[in-house]
Every structure is written in structure tokens, then in C-alpha cells.
Amino acid sequence: MIFPWYQPELAQLASRLERQTLHHAPLILGPNGLGKSEFAEALCELILCHRPVAGHPCGQCQSCQLIQAQTHPDKHHITTENLSIGVDSIRQGIDKLQGSAQLSQNKVLLLTDGQRMTTAAANALLKTLEEPTNNTYIIITATSAHSLLPTVLSRCEKLVLALPDPQKIQNWLRDEY
């Protein structure tokens, strides 16, 4: 579930996905605690859903059910509890993108905290960013564009999640809690 103030950005990406104009490598930028991971997960669900409804995953198809069970064969996630994401992790993620999708028409690699990639890891990702396989999306989250190699940045479409208006947050908190 993403924060309501980011729904317009997700709706725009959903529209582009429907028109088949969504960039293969969206880079979601913003400070920690802003909701980047949730936004990226929602985008993954949308990309893999078989029957999206009004820019949202249907929640009912086999793909959505597998995502909810965290067992979708075409969704791959790279993250780490360590200080860095190494080249082996990136290579393993890229290997999972080779070939055709097993269930969905699309394949997704979600790279959380892309700013943690080592230089070797970022360089390993470059070829796939330059020449992605068909129906492949690589979604990267990061705290800052400055923390990524310029060659990676140039191959991604940047989406900066801005801090919401404090009044919107207060209203949402009041309504939710």
C-alpha cells in the first residue's frame, strides 16, 4: 500500500505501462522513510498483474496471488542488510531475467537501495540496463541520484518522490488513526 499522495505518480506510470511506453528502468529517488519501497512494490505488482483495473493491480489473478504469497517466479528482488550490494548479487539478479517470463508477460527485478551498489556491481548492471531482454523491467530505489554512477543514471528514468505537504500528512494520519 502506498501513501495516497503518491497515487498520481503511480497512476501516470500505470497509464504509460498500458500504452507500452513505460521506461524499462525506473529509478525511484527520495530520502529514507518516504515510502519508496512501497511505491516500487506497487509498481512491480502493476507490471506483473494480468488484469489491472483503473491503474491498480486486480488483486485476484494468479499473478497477484503469487505476489501476495511472495512466490512470483517473474519477480526478483535484490536487497541487502550489509553496507553494500556486491557484484555477485547483481549477476544473480540479472541471470534470473534471462529467457522468457514464466507466468506473466513481464519480468521485474527490484533493486532496493541502489546507492549501496559497489562500483563493480553497478558496472555489472550496465549491460542489462543498456540492452534489456524483452518485457523486462528493472526498478531501482535510491536515496540520491548523486550516489549512483553517472552511467547508471543515464540509462534510467528518474522519478523523485517529493516530500508531501505536511497538512496532507496530518489529514491522512487523523483519518487513518
N, C-alpha and C. Protein backbone atom coordinates (compact mmCIF):
# COMPACT_ATOMS: atom_id res chain seq x y z
N MET A 1 0.86 -1.19 0.00
CA MET A 1 0.00 0.00 0.00
C MET A 1 0.89 1.24 0.00
N ILE A 2 0.64 2.12 -0.94
CA ILE A 2 1.43 3.34 -0.98
C ILE A 2 0.63 4.48 -0.35
N PHE A 3 1.36 5.51 0.05
CA PHE A 3 0.70 6.68 0.61
C PHE A 3 -0.18 7.33 -0.45
N PRO A 4 -1.32 7.86 -0.06
CA PRO A 4 -2.26 8.42 -1.05
C PRO A 4 -1.68 9.57 -1.86
N TRP A 5 -0.74 10.32 -1.30
CA TRP A 5 -0.19 11.45 -2.04
C TRP A 5 0.71 11.02 -3.18
N TYR A 6 1.05 9.73 -3.27
CA TYR A 6 1.84 9.23 -4.40
C TYR A 6 0.99 8.50 -5.44
N GLN A 7 -0.31 8.44 -5.22
CA GLN A 7 -1.21 7.79 -6.18
C GLN A 7 -1.14 8.44 -7.57
N PRO A 8 -1.06 9.77 -7.69
CA PRO A 8 -0.99 10.36 -9.04
C PRO A 8 0.25 9.89 -9.82
N GLU A 9 1.39 9.78 -9.14
CA GLU A 9 2.60 9.31 -9.83
C GLU A 9 2.43 7.87 -10.29
N LEU A 10 1.84 7.03 -9.43
CA LEU A 10 1.63 5.64 -9.81
C LEU A 10 0.62 5.54 -10.95
N ALA A 11 -0.41 6.36 -10.92
CA ALA A 11 -1.41 6.35 -12.00
C ALA A 11 -0.78 6.75 -13.33
N GLN A 12 0.14 7.70 -13.29
CA GLN A 12 0.83 8.11 -14.52
C GLN A 12 1.66 6.95 -15.07
N LEU A 13 2.37 6.25 -14.19
CA LEU A 13 3.16 5.10 -14.64
C LEU A 13 2.26 3.98 -15.15
N ALA A 14 1.12 3.78 -14.50
CA ALA A 14 0.17 2.76 -14.95
C ALA A 14 -0.34 3.07 -16.35
N SER A 15 -0.61 4.33 -16.61
CA SER A 15 -1.08 4.74 -17.93
C SER A 15 0.00 4.48 -18.98
N ARG A 16 1.23 4.78 -18.64
CA ARG A 16 2.32 4.54 -19.58
C ARG A 16 2.55 3.05 -19.78
N LEU A 17 2.38 2.26 -18.74
CA LEU A 17 2.50 0.81 -18.88
C LEU A 17 1.44 0.28 -19.84
N GLU A 18 0.23 0.77 -19.69
CA GLU A 18 -0.88 0.35 -20.56
C GLU A 18 -0.60 0.73 -22.02
N ARG A 19 0.00 1.89 -22.23
CA ARG A 19 0.33 2.33 -23.59
C ARG A 19 1.66 1.76 -24.08
N GLN A 20 2.29 0.96 -23.25
CA GLN A 20 3.58 0.32 -23.54
C GLN A 20 4.67 1.36 -23.79
N THR A 21 4.65 2.44 -23.00
CA THR A 21 5.68 3.48 -23.09
C THR A 21 6.43 3.65 -21.78
N LEU A 22 6.20 2.73 -20.84
CA LEU A 22 6.91 2.80 -19.56
C LEU A 22 8.37 2.45 -19.78
N HIS A 23 9.25 3.28 -19.26
CA HIS A 23 10.70 3.04 -19.38
C HIS A 23 11.04 1.72 -18.69
N HIS A 24 12.01 1.01 -19.23
CA HIS A 24 12.38 -0.30 -18.69
C HIS A 24 13.16 -0.21 -17.37
N ALA A 25 13.62 1.00 -17.00
CA ALA A 25 14.41 1.13 -15.78
C ALA A 25 14.02 2.39 -15.00
N PRO A 26 12.87 2.35 -14.31
CA PRO A 26 12.54 3.50 -13.47
C PRO A 26 13.43 3.54 -12.23
N LEU A 27 13.92 4.71 -11.91
CA LEU A 27 14.75 4.94 -10.73
C LEU A 27 13.93 5.82 -9.79
N ILE A 28 13.56 5.28 -8.65
CA ILE A 28 12.70 5.98 -7.69
C ILE A 28 13.60 6.56 -6.61
N LEU A 29 13.62 7.88 -6.54
CA LEU A 29 14.53 8.59 -5.64
C LEU A 29 13.78 9.29 -4.51
N GLY A 30 14.42 9.35 -3.35
CA GLY A 30 13.88 10.08 -2.22
C GLY A 30 14.54 9.64 -0.93
N PRO A 31 14.40 10.44 0.11
CA PRO A 31 15.03 10.09 1.38
C PRO A 31 14.41 8.85 2.01
N ASN A 32 15.13 8.25 2.95
CA ASN A 32 14.62 7.09 3.68
C ASN A 32 13.34 7.45 4.42
N GLY A 33 12.43 6.49 4.51
CA GLY A 33 11.19 6.69 5.24
C GLY A 33 10.09 7.38 4.46
N LEU A 34 10.33 7.64 3.19
CA LEU A 34 9.37 8.37 2.36
C LEU A 34 8.31 7.47 1.73
N GLY A 35 8.60 6.18 1.64
CA GLY A 35 7.68 5.24 1.02
C GLY A 35 8.14 4.75 -0.35
N LYS A 36 9.45 4.89 -0.64
CA LYS A 36 9.98 4.45 -1.94
C LYS A 36 9.78 2.96 -2.15
N SER A 37 10.08 2.17 -1.13
CA SER A 37 9.98 0.72 -1.27
C SER A 37 8.55 0.29 -1.54
N GLU A 38 7.61 0.88 -0.84
CA GLU A 38 6.21 0.55 -1.05
C GLU A 38 5.76 0.96 -2.45
N PHE A 39 6.23 2.12 -2.90
CA PHE A 39 5.91 2.59 -4.24
C PHE A 39 6.47 1.63 -5.28
N ALA A 40 7.72 1.22 -5.10
CA ALA A 40 8.36 0.28 -6.04
C ALA A 40 7.63 -1.05 -6.05
N GLU A 41 7.22 -1.54 -4.89
CA GLU A 41 6.47 -2.80 -4.81
C GLU A 41 5.13 -2.67 -5.54
N ALA A 42 4.45 -1.54 -5.37
CA ALA A 42 3.17 -1.33 -6.05
C ALA A 42 3.38 -1.31 -7.57
N LEU A 43 4.46 -0.71 -8.01
CA LEU A 43 4.76 -0.69 -9.45
C LEU A 43 5.05 -2.10 -9.95
N CYS A 44 5.78 -2.89 -9.18
CA CYS A 44 6.04 -4.30 -9.54
C CYS A 44 4.72 -5.06 -9.70
N GLU A 45 3.84 -4.90 -8.74
CA GLU A 45 2.55 -5.59 -8.79
C GLU A 45 1.78 -5.20 -10.04
N LEU A 46 1.80 -3.92 -10.35
CA LEU A 46 1.09 -3.42 -11.53
C LEU A 46 1.67 -4.00 -12.81
N ILE A 47 2.98 -4.05 -12.90
CA ILE A 47 3.65 -4.57 -14.10
C ILE A 47 3.33 -6.05 -14.30
N LEU A 48 3.22 -6.80 -13.22
CA LEU A 48 3.02 -8.25 -13.32
C LEU A 48 1.56 -8.68 -13.33
N CYS A 49 0.64 -7.80 -12.96
CA CYS A 49 -0.78 -8.16 -12.90
C CYS A 49 -1.30 -8.49 -14.30
N HIS A 50 -2.12 -9.52 -14.39
CA HIS A 50 -2.70 -9.94 -15.67
C HIS A 50 -3.90 -9.08 -16.06
N ARG A 51 -4.62 -8.54 -15.06
CA ARG A 51 -5.84 -7.78 -15.35
C ARG A 51 -5.93 -6.51 -14.51
N PRO A 52 -5.02 -5.55 -14.74
CA PRO A 52 -5.10 -4.31 -13.94
C PRO A 52 -6.44 -3.61 -14.16
N VAL A 53 -6.91 -2.96 -13.11
CA VAL A 53 -8.19 -2.27 -13.14
C VAL A 53 -7.95 -0.81 -12.73
N ALA A 54 -8.23 0.09 -13.64
CA ALA A 54 -8.11 1.53 -13.38
C ALA A 54 -6.74 1.89 -12.79
N GLY A 55 -5.69 1.31 -13.36
CA GLY A 55 -4.35 1.65 -12.92
C GLY A 55 -3.91 1.00 -11.63
N HIS A 56 -4.63 -0.04 -11.20
CA HIS A 56 -4.28 -0.76 -9.98
C HIS A 56 -4.26 -2.25 -10.27
N PRO A 57 -3.42 -3.01 -9.58
CA PRO A 57 -3.45 -4.46 -9.75
C PRO A 57 -4.82 -4.99 -9.33
N CYS A 58 -5.28 -6.03 -10.01
CA CYS A 58 -6.61 -6.55 -9.71
C CYS A 58 -6.66 -7.24 -8.34
N GLY A 59 -5.54 -7.82 -7.91
CA GLY A 59 -5.51 -8.50 -6.62
C GLY A 59 -6.11 -9.89 -6.65
N GLN A 60 -6.65 -10.30 -7.80
CA GLN A 60 -7.36 -11.58 -7.89
C GLN A 60 -6.70 -12.59 -8.82
N CYS A 61 -5.97 -12.13 -9.81
CA CYS A 61 -5.40 -13.05 -10.79
C CYS A 61 -4.29 -13.89 -10.14
N GLN A 62 -3.87 -14.91 -10.84
CA GLN A 62 -2.83 -15.80 -10.33
C GLN A 62 -1.55 -15.02 -10.03
N SER A 63 -1.22 -14.10 -10.88
CA SER A 63 -0.02 -13.30 -10.69
C SER A 63 -0.10 -12.49 -9.39
N CYS A 64 -1.21 -11.83 -9.17
CA CYS A 64 -1.39 -11.04 -7.94
C CYS A 64 -1.35 -11.94 -6.70
N GLN A 65 -1.94 -13.10 -6.79
CA GLN A 65 -1.93 -14.02 -5.65
C GLN A 65 -0.51 -14.50 -5.34
N LEU A 66 0.28 -14.76 -6.38
CA LEU A 66 1.66 -15.19 -6.16
C LEU A 66 2.51 -14.05 -5.60
N ILE A 67 2.23 -12.84 -6.02
CA ILE A 67 2.95 -11.69 -5.46
C ILE A 67 2.62 -11.57 -3.97
N GLN A 68 1.35 -11.71 -3.64
CA GLN A 68 0.95 -11.62 -2.23
C GLN A 68 1.60 -12.73 -1.40
N ALA A 69 1.79 -13.90 -2.00
CA ALA A 69 2.44 -15.02 -1.32
C ALA A 69 3.97 -14.92 -1.38
N GLN A 70 4.47 -13.91 -2.08
CA GLN A 70 5.90 -13.69 -2.27
C GLN A 70 6.59 -14.87 -2.96
N THR A 71 5.88 -15.46 -3.94
CA THR A 71 6.43 -16.61 -4.67
C THR A 71 6.32 -16.43 -6.19
N HIS A 72 6.18 -15.21 -6.66
CA HIS A 72 6.02 -14.99 -8.09
C HIS A 72 7.33 -15.32 -8.81
N PRO A 73 7.28 -16.19 -9.83
CA PRO A 73 8.51 -16.60 -10.50
C PRO A 73 9.15 -15.54 -11.39
N ASP A 74 8.43 -14.47 -11.70
CA ASP A 74 8.97 -13.43 -12.57
C ASP A 74 9.32 -12.15 -11.82
N LYS A 75 9.23 -12.18 -10.51
CA LYS A 75 9.61 -11.03 -9.68
C LYS A 75 10.84 -11.42 -8.87
N HIS A 76 11.87 -10.63 -9.04
CA HIS A 76 13.13 -10.89 -8.35
C HIS A 76 13.53 -9.63 -7.60
N HIS A 77 14.12 -9.82 -6.43
CA HIS A 77 14.42 -8.69 -5.56
C HIS A 77 15.86 -8.78 -5.08
N ILE A 78 16.57 -7.68 -5.21
CA ILE A 78 17.92 -7.60 -4.67
C ILE A 78 17.92 -6.55 -3.58
N THR A 79 18.31 -6.95 -2.41
CA THR A 79 18.45 -6.04 -1.27
C THR A 79 19.53 -6.63 -0.37
N THR A 80 19.96 -5.86 0.59
CA THR A 80 20.97 -6.36 1.50
C THR A 80 20.85 -5.70 2.85
N GLU A 81 21.25 -6.42 3.85
CA GLU A 81 21.36 -5.85 5.20
C GLU A 81 22.76 -5.32 5.41
N ASN A 82 23.67 -5.64 4.49
CA ASN A 82 25.06 -5.21 4.59
C ASN A 82 25.19 -3.76 4.13
N LEU A 83 26.39 -3.25 4.21
CA LEU A 83 26.64 -1.88 3.78
C LEU A 83 26.65 -1.74 2.28
N SER A 84 26.89 -2.84 1.56
CA SER A 84 26.98 -2.73 0.10
C SER A 84 26.30 -3.91 -0.58
N ILE A 85 25.94 -3.66 -1.85
CA ILE A 85 25.41 -4.70 -2.72
C ILE A 85 26.54 -5.04 -3.68
N GLY A 86 26.97 -6.29 -3.64
CA GLY A 86 28.12 -6.71 -4.43
C GLY A 86 27.77 -7.18 -5.82
N VAL A 87 28.80 -7.38 -6.60
CA VAL A 87 28.66 -7.78 -7.99
C VAL A 87 27.97 -9.14 -8.12
N ASP A 88 28.21 -10.06 -7.19
CA ASP A 88 27.58 -11.38 -7.27
C ASP A 88 26.07 -11.29 -7.15
N SER A 89 25.59 -10.44 -6.26
CA SER A 89 24.14 -10.26 -6.11
C SER A 89 23.52 -9.72 -7.40
N ILE A 90 24.19 -8.76 -8.01
CA ILE A 90 23.67 -8.18 -9.26
C ILE A 90 23.69 -9.23 -10.37
N ARG A 91 24.76 -9.96 -10.48
CA ARG A 91 24.84 -11.00 -11.53
C ARG A 91 23.76 -12.06 -11.35
N GLN A 92 23.50 -12.46 -10.11
CA GLN A 92 22.44 -13.44 -9.85
C GLN A 92 21.08 -12.88 -10.26
N GLY A 93 20.84 -11.61 -9.94
CA GLY A 93 19.58 -10.98 -10.33
C GLY A 93 19.43 -10.90 -11.84
N ILE A 94 20.50 -10.53 -12.52
CA ILE A 94 20.46 -10.43 -13.99
C ILE A 94 20.24 -11.81 -14.61
N ASP A 95 20.87 -12.83 -14.06
CA ASP A 95 20.68 -14.20 -14.57
C ASP A 95 19.22 -14.62 -14.52
N LYS A 96 18.51 -14.18 -13.49
CA LYS A 96 17.10 -14.55 -13.35
C LYS A 96 16.21 -13.88 -14.40
N LEU A 97 16.73 -12.83 -15.03
CA LEU A 97 15.96 -12.12 -16.06
C LEU A 97 16.12 -12.72 -17.45
N GLN A 98 17.06 -13.62 -17.60
CA GLN A 98 17.30 -14.22 -18.92
C GLN A 98 16.15 -15.14 -19.29
N GLY A 99 15.86 -15.23 -20.56
CA GLY A 99 14.79 -16.11 -21.04
C GLY A 99 13.44 -15.43 -20.95
N SER A 100 12.43 -16.21 -21.20
CA SER A 100 11.06 -15.71 -21.21
C SER A 100 10.48 -15.69 -19.80
N ALA A 101 9.46 -14.87 -19.64
CA ALA A 101 8.73 -14.84 -18.38
C ALA A 101 8.05 -16.19 -18.19
N GLN A 102 7.99 -16.64 -16.95
CA GLN A 102 7.38 -17.94 -16.67
C GLN A 102 5.87 -17.86 -16.52
N LEU A 103 5.38 -16.76 -15.97
CA LEU A 103 3.95 -16.66 -15.70
C LEU A 103 3.33 -15.42 -16.33
N SER A 104 3.96 -14.31 -16.13
CA SER A 104 3.44 -13.04 -16.65
C SER A 104 4.04 -12.78 -18.02
N GLN A 105 3.57 -11.74 -18.64
CA GLN A 105 4.20 -11.33 -19.88
C GLN A 105 5.47 -10.56 -19.58
N ASN A 106 5.64 -10.10 -18.35
CA ASN A 106 6.79 -9.28 -17.96
C ASN A 106 7.62 -9.95 -16.87
N LYS A 107 8.86 -9.47 -16.75
CA LYS A 107 9.76 -9.87 -15.67
C LYS A 107 10.21 -8.59 -14.98
N VAL A 108 10.38 -8.66 -13.66
CA VAL A 108 10.76 -7.48 -12.89
C VAL A 108 11.90 -7.84 -11.95
N LEU A 109 12.91 -6.96 -11.95
CA LEU A 109 13.99 -7.03 -10.97
C LEU A 109 13.90 -5.76 -10.15
N LEU A 110 13.65 -5.90 -8.86
CA LEU A 110 13.57 -4.76 -7.95
C LEU A 110 14.88 -4.68 -7.18
N LEU A 111 15.56 -3.56 -7.33
CA LEU A 111 16.84 -3.33 -6.66
C LEU A 111 16.63 -2.23 -5.63
N THR A 112 16.53 -2.65 -4.36
CA THR A 112 16.30 -1.73 -3.26
C THR A 112 17.63 -1.16 -2.79
N ASP A 113 17.65 0.13 -2.49
CA ASP A 113 18.85 0.82 -2.01
C ASP A 113 19.98 0.72 -3.01
N GLY A 114 19.70 1.12 -4.24
CA GLY A 114 20.69 1.06 -5.30
C GLY A 114 21.96 1.82 -4.98
N GLN A 115 21.88 2.81 -4.10
CA GLN A 115 23.07 3.56 -3.72
C GLN A 115 24.09 2.69 -2.99
N ARG A 116 23.69 1.49 -2.59
CA ARG A 116 24.61 0.58 -1.90
C ARG A 116 25.43 -0.29 -2.86
N MET A 117 25.16 -0.18 -4.16
CA MET A 117 25.91 -0.99 -5.12
C MET A 117 27.38 -0.56 -5.14
N THR A 118 28.24 -1.56 -5.16
CA THR A 118 29.65 -1.26 -5.37
C THR A 118 29.84 -0.83 -6.82
N THR A 119 30.97 -0.25 -7.12
CA THR A 119 31.25 0.16 -8.50
C THR A 119 31.20 -1.05 -9.43
N ALA A 120 31.76 -2.17 -8.99
CA ALA A 120 31.74 -3.38 -9.82
C ALA A 120 30.30 -3.86 -10.04
N ALA A 121 29.47 -3.77 -9.01
CA ALA A 121 28.07 -4.19 -9.13
C ALA A 121 27.33 -3.28 -10.11
N ALA A 122 27.53 -1.98 -9.99
CA ALA A 122 26.88 -1.03 -10.91
C ALA A 122 27.32 -1.28 -12.34
N ASN A 123 28.60 -1.54 -12.53
CA ASN A 123 29.09 -1.83 -13.88
C ASN A 123 28.51 -3.12 -14.43
N ALA A 124 28.29 -4.11 -13.56
CA ALA A 124 27.68 -5.38 -13.99
C ALA A 124 26.23 -5.16 -14.45
N LEU A 125 25.57 -4.19 -13.86
CA LEU A 125 24.18 -3.90 -14.20
C LEU A 125 24.06 -3.13 -15.52
N LEU A 126 25.11 -2.44 -15.90
CA LEU A 126 25.05 -1.56 -17.07
C LEU A 126 24.60 -2.23 -18.36
N LYS A 127 25.16 -3.38 -18.69
CA LYS A 127 24.82 -4.04 -19.96
C LYS A 127 23.33 -4.35 -20.02
N THR A 128 22.77 -4.82 -18.91
CA THR A 128 21.35 -5.13 -18.89
C THR A 128 20.51 -3.85 -18.98
N LEU A 129 20.98 -2.77 -18.37
CA LEU A 129 20.27 -1.50 -18.49
C LEU A 129 20.32 -0.98 -19.93
N GLU A 130 21.44 -1.21 -20.60
CA GLU A 130 21.59 -0.76 -21.98
C GLU A 130 20.78 -1.60 -22.95
N GLU A 131 20.77 -2.90 -22.73
CA GLU A 131 20.12 -3.83 -23.65
C GLU A 131 19.26 -4.83 -22.87
N PRO A 132 18.14 -4.37 -22.33
CA PRO A 132 17.30 -5.28 -21.55
C PRO A 132 16.65 -6.34 -22.44
N THR A 133 16.40 -7.49 -21.87
CA THR A 133 15.67 -8.51 -22.60
C THR A 133 14.22 -8.05 -22.74
N ASN A 134 13.49 -8.68 -23.64
CA ASN A 134 12.10 -8.28 -23.88
C ASN A 134 11.26 -8.35 -22.62
N ASN A 135 10.38 -7.38 -22.47
CA ASN A 135 9.42 -7.33 -21.37
C ASN A 135 10.10 -7.41 -20.00
N THR A 136 11.24 -6.76 -19.88
CA THR A 136 11.99 -6.76 -18.64
C THR A 136 12.01 -5.36 -18.06
N TYR A 137 11.73 -5.27 -16.77
CA TYR A 137 11.78 -4.00 -16.06
C TYR A 137 12.73 -4.14 -14.88
N ILE A 138 13.58 -3.14 -14.72
CA ILE A 138 14.49 -3.08 -13.58
C ILE A 138 14.11 -1.82 -12.81
N ILE A 139 13.56 -2.01 -11.63
CA ILE A 139 13.12 -0.90 -10.80
C ILE A 139 14.15 -0.72 -9.69
N ILE A 140 14.70 0.48 -9.63
CA ILE A 140 15.75 0.77 -8.66
C ILE A 140 15.26 1.86 -7.71
N THR A 141 15.48 1.66 -6.42
CA THR A 141 15.23 2.73 -5.46
C THR A 141 16.57 3.20 -4.92
N ALA A 142 16.66 4.49 -4.62
CA ALA A 142 17.89 5.05 -4.06
C ALA A 142 17.55 6.34 -3.32
N THR A 143 18.41 6.68 -2.38
CA THR A 143 18.19 7.90 -1.61
C THR A 143 18.61 9.14 -2.37
N SER A 144 19.54 8.99 -3.29
CA SER A 144 20.07 10.16 -4.01
C SER A 144 20.63 9.74 -5.36
N ALA A 145 20.41 10.57 -6.35
CA ALA A 145 20.98 10.31 -7.67
C ALA A 145 22.49 10.44 -7.64
N HIS A 146 23.00 11.29 -6.78
CA HIS A 146 24.44 11.52 -6.69
C HIS A 146 25.20 10.30 -6.20
N SER A 147 24.50 9.36 -5.58
CA SER A 147 25.16 8.18 -5.04
C SER A 147 25.30 7.06 -6.07
N LEU A 148 24.79 7.27 -7.28
CA LEU A 148 24.87 6.26 -8.33
C LEU A 148 25.84 6.72 -9.42
N LEU A 149 26.41 5.75 -10.11
CA LEU A 149 27.31 6.08 -11.21
C LEU A 149 26.55 6.84 -12.30
N PRO A 150 27.17 7.83 -12.90
CA PRO A 150 26.51 8.58 -13.98
C PRO A 150 26.07 7.68 -15.13
N THR A 151 26.80 6.61 -15.39
CA THR A 151 26.42 5.70 -16.47
C THR A 151 25.13 4.96 -16.14
N VAL A 152 24.90 4.65 -14.87
CA VAL A 152 23.64 4.03 -14.45
C VAL A 152 22.51 5.06 -14.55
N LEU A 153 22.76 6.25 -14.04
CA LEU A 153 21.75 7.31 -14.09
C LEU A 153 21.28 7.59 -15.50
N SER A 154 22.20 7.61 -16.45
CA SER A 154 21.85 7.96 -17.82
C SER A 154 20.98 6.91 -18.50
N ARG A 155 20.89 5.73 -17.93
CA ARG A 155 20.11 4.65 -18.53
C ARG A 155 18.79 4.40 -17.80
N CYS A 156 18.51 5.23 -16.81
CA CYS A 156 17.28 5.10 -16.03
C CYS A 156 16.41 6.34 -16.23
N GLU A 157 15.14 6.17 -15.97
CA GLU A 157 14.23 7.30 -15.92
C GLU A 157 14.00 7.65 -14.46
N LYS A 158 14.36 8.86 -14.09
CA LYS A 158 14.31 9.27 -12.70
C LYS A 158 12.91 9.75 -12.30
N LEU A 159 12.45 9.27 -11.16
CA LEU A 159 11.20 9.70 -10.57
C LEU A 159 11.51 10.08 -9.12
N VAL A 160 11.44 11.37 -8.83
CA VAL A 160 11.73 11.84 -7.48
C VAL A 160 10.43 11.92 -6.70
N LEU A 161 10.35 11.16 -5.62
CA LEU A 161 9.19 11.25 -4.74
C LEU A 161 9.43 12.41 -3.78
N ALA A 162 8.65 13.43 -3.93
CA ALA A 162 8.83 14.64 -3.13
C ALA A 162 8.18 14.47 -1.75
N LEU A 163 8.67 15.26 -0.82
CA LEU A 163 8.04 15.29 0.50
C LEU A 163 6.64 15.85 0.35
N PRO A 164 5.66 15.17 0.91
CA PRO A 164 4.29 15.67 0.79
C PRO A 164 4.06 16.90 1.67
N ASP A 165 3.02 17.60 1.36
CA ASP A 165 2.60 18.74 2.15
C ASP A 165 2.28 18.26 3.57
N PRO A 166 2.82 18.92 4.60
CA PRO A 166 2.56 18.47 5.98
C PRO A 166 1.07 18.39 6.31
N GLN A 167 0.28 19.28 5.74
CA GLN A 167 -1.16 19.24 6.01
C GLN A 167 -1.79 17.96 5.48
N LYS A 168 -1.33 17.49 4.31
CA LYS A 168 -1.84 16.23 3.77
C LYS A 168 -1.51 15.07 4.71
N ILE A 169 -0.30 15.09 5.25
CA ILE A 169 0.11 14.03 6.18
C ILE A 169 -0.76 14.07 7.43
N GLN A 170 -0.96 15.26 8.00
CA GLN A 170 -1.78 15.39 9.20
C GLN A 170 -3.20 14.91 8.95
N ASN A 171 -3.77 15.30 7.82
CA ASN A 171 -5.14 14.87 7.49
C ASN A 171 -5.21 13.36 7.35
N TRP A 172 -4.21 12.78 6.67
CA TRP A 172 -4.20 11.33 6.48
C TRP A 172 -4.06 10.62 7.82
N LEU A 173 -3.16 11.08 8.66
CA LEU A 173 -2.97 10.46 9.98
C LEU A 173 -4.24 10.57 10.82
N ARG A 174 -4.90 11.71 10.76
CA ARG A 174 -6.13 11.88 11.51
C ARG A 174 -7.20 10.90 11.02
N ASP A 175 -7.30 10.75 9.68
CA ASP A 175 -8.33 9.86 9.12
C ASP A 175 -8.00 8.38 9.36
N GLU A 176 -6.72 8.03 9.32
CA GLU A 176 -6.31 6.63 9.47
C GLU A 176 -6.27 6.17 10.92
N TYR A 177 -5.92 7.07 11.80
CA TYR A 177 -5.73 6.67 13.21
C TYR A 177 -6.61 7.48 14.09
